[in-house]
Protein backbone atom coordinates (compact mmCIF):
# COMPACT_ATOMS: atom_id res chain seq x y z
CA MET A 1 -0.05 -0.01 -0.12
CA ASN A 2 1.50 3.22 -0.99
CA ILE A 3 0.31 5.82 1.65
CA PHE A 4 0.35 8.79 -0.55
CA THR A 5 -2.12 7.43 -2.75
CA HIS A 6 -4.47 5.90 -0.02
CA ASP A 7 -7.77 7.38 0.02
CA ILE A 8 -8.29 7.38 4.06
CA ILE A 9 -5.40 9.08 5.56
CA VAL A 10 -5.73 12.34 3.94
CA PRO A 11 -9.49 12.84 4.59
CA LEU A 12 -8.83 11.50 8.13
CA ALA A 13 -5.91 13.79 8.71
CA ALA A 14 -8.38 16.69 7.31
CA ALA A 15 -10.92 15.82 9.70
CA VAL A 16 -8.83 15.50 12.69
CA ALA A 17 -7.49 19.02 11.82
CA VAL A 18 -11.02 20.43 11.57
CA GLY A 19 -11.97 18.58 14.65
CA VAL A 20 -9.21 20.25 16.65
CA ALA A 21 -9.69 23.49 15.27
CA SER A 22 -13.29 23.62 15.71
CA THR A 23 -12.93 22.86 19.66
CA GLY A 24 -11.29 25.92 20.24
CA ALA A 25 -10.00 25.29 23.87
CA ALA A 26 -10.21 21.65 24.07
CA GLN A 27 -7.26 21.15 22.17
CA ALA A 28 -5.72 17.71 21.40
CA GLN A 29 -3.08 16.80 24.22
CA CYS A 30 0.09 15.88 22.75
CA LEU A 31 3.15 13.79 24.79
CA ASP A 32 6.46 15.36 24.72
CA ASN A 33 9.62 13.43 23.62
CA ARG A 34 10.18 11.85 26.99
CA GLN A 35 6.67 10.71 27.27
CA ILE A 36 6.70 9.22 23.48
CA GLN A 37 10.05 7.60 24.69
CA GLN A 38 8.49 6.04 27.70
CA SER A 39 5.24 4.88 25.78
CA VAL A 40 7.45 3.20 23.41
CA SER A 41 9.36 1.38 25.68
CA SER A 42 6.29 0.31 27.87
CA GLY A 43 4.74 -0.92 24.77
CA GLU A 44 1.75 1.40 25.09
CA ILE A 45 2.46 2.83 21.33
CA MET A 46 4.48 1.41 18.52
CA SER A 47 7.60 2.82 17.35
CA LEU A 48 7.61 5.55 14.44
CA ALA A 49 9.33 3.17 12.57
CA ALA A 50 6.77 0.23 13.34
CA VAL A 51 3.92 2.65 12.47
CA LEU A 52 5.26 3.81 9.21
CA ALA A 53 6.24 0.13 8.24
CA SER A 54 2.74 -1.16 8.88
CA ALA A 55 1.38 1.81 7.08
CA GLY A 56 3.36 1.02 4.08
CA ILE A 57 5.17 4.38 3.92
CA ASP A 58 7.63 4.38 1.19
CA SER A 59 11.04 4.57 2.89
CA SER A 60 12.40 7.52 0.34
CA ALA A 61 9.59 9.62 1.99
CA GLU A 62 11.20 12.39 4.20
CA VAL A 63 9.90 12.67 7.76
CA LEU A 64 9.39 16.46 8.67
CA SER A 65 7.92 16.50 11.92
CA VAL A 66 6.28 13.88 14.51
CA GLN A 67 3.70 14.22 17.38
CA VAL A 68 1.91 11.73 19.26
CA CYS A 69 -1.56 13.01 20.55
CA ASP A 70 -4.72 11.82 22.12
CA GLU A 71 -7.50 12.27 19.91
CA GLY A 72 -10.70 11.07 21.28
CA GLY A 73 -8.85 8.70 23.84
CA GLN A 74 -6.76 7.10 21.18
CA LEU A 75 -3.17 7.88 20.74
CA VAL A 76 -2.10 8.68 17.13
CA TYR A 77 0.92 9.76 15.21
CA ILE A 78 0.67 12.91 13.38
CA ILE A 79 3.66 12.97 11.04
CA GLY A 80 4.60 15.61 8.48
CA VAL A 81 6.17 13.92 5.52
CA LEU A 82 7.40 14.97 2.13
CA SER A 83 6.90 12.40 -0.68
CA PRO A 84 9.70 11.64 -3.35
CA ASN A 85 7.54 14.07 -5.73
CA GLY A 86 7.73 16.96 -3.21
CA GLU A 87 4.39 16.52 -2.02
CA ALA A 88 4.03 17.78 1.69
CA GLN A 89 1.50 15.78 3.76
CA ASN A 90 0.35 15.49 7.48
CA LEU A 91 -0.62 11.76 8.23
CA VAL A 92 -2.62 10.56 11.24
CA LEU A 93 -1.87 6.82 12.20
CA SER A 94 -2.80 4.75 15.00
CA ALA A 95 0.07 4.86 17.63
CA GLN A 96 -1.37 1.49 19.20
């Protein structure tokens, strides 16, 4: 599966972005780097490499940014990537 042509990821990312923006003060809670490392070490969430591999992200895609946030009780990775063709996208992938 090539993530850059997948029909679900982009609409999901847009829906999350709209949902977070529309809630005003009730914004998503994101983990800091220490919390992410602890969550990966404890097995609460998958590593970034495992998430990218399971989603079929092309290894030539450049990762621009990474956050782990609580979206409605589920931890998700919000990953900014640059595809080989130069297209930047924010992907929202389950961390669990």
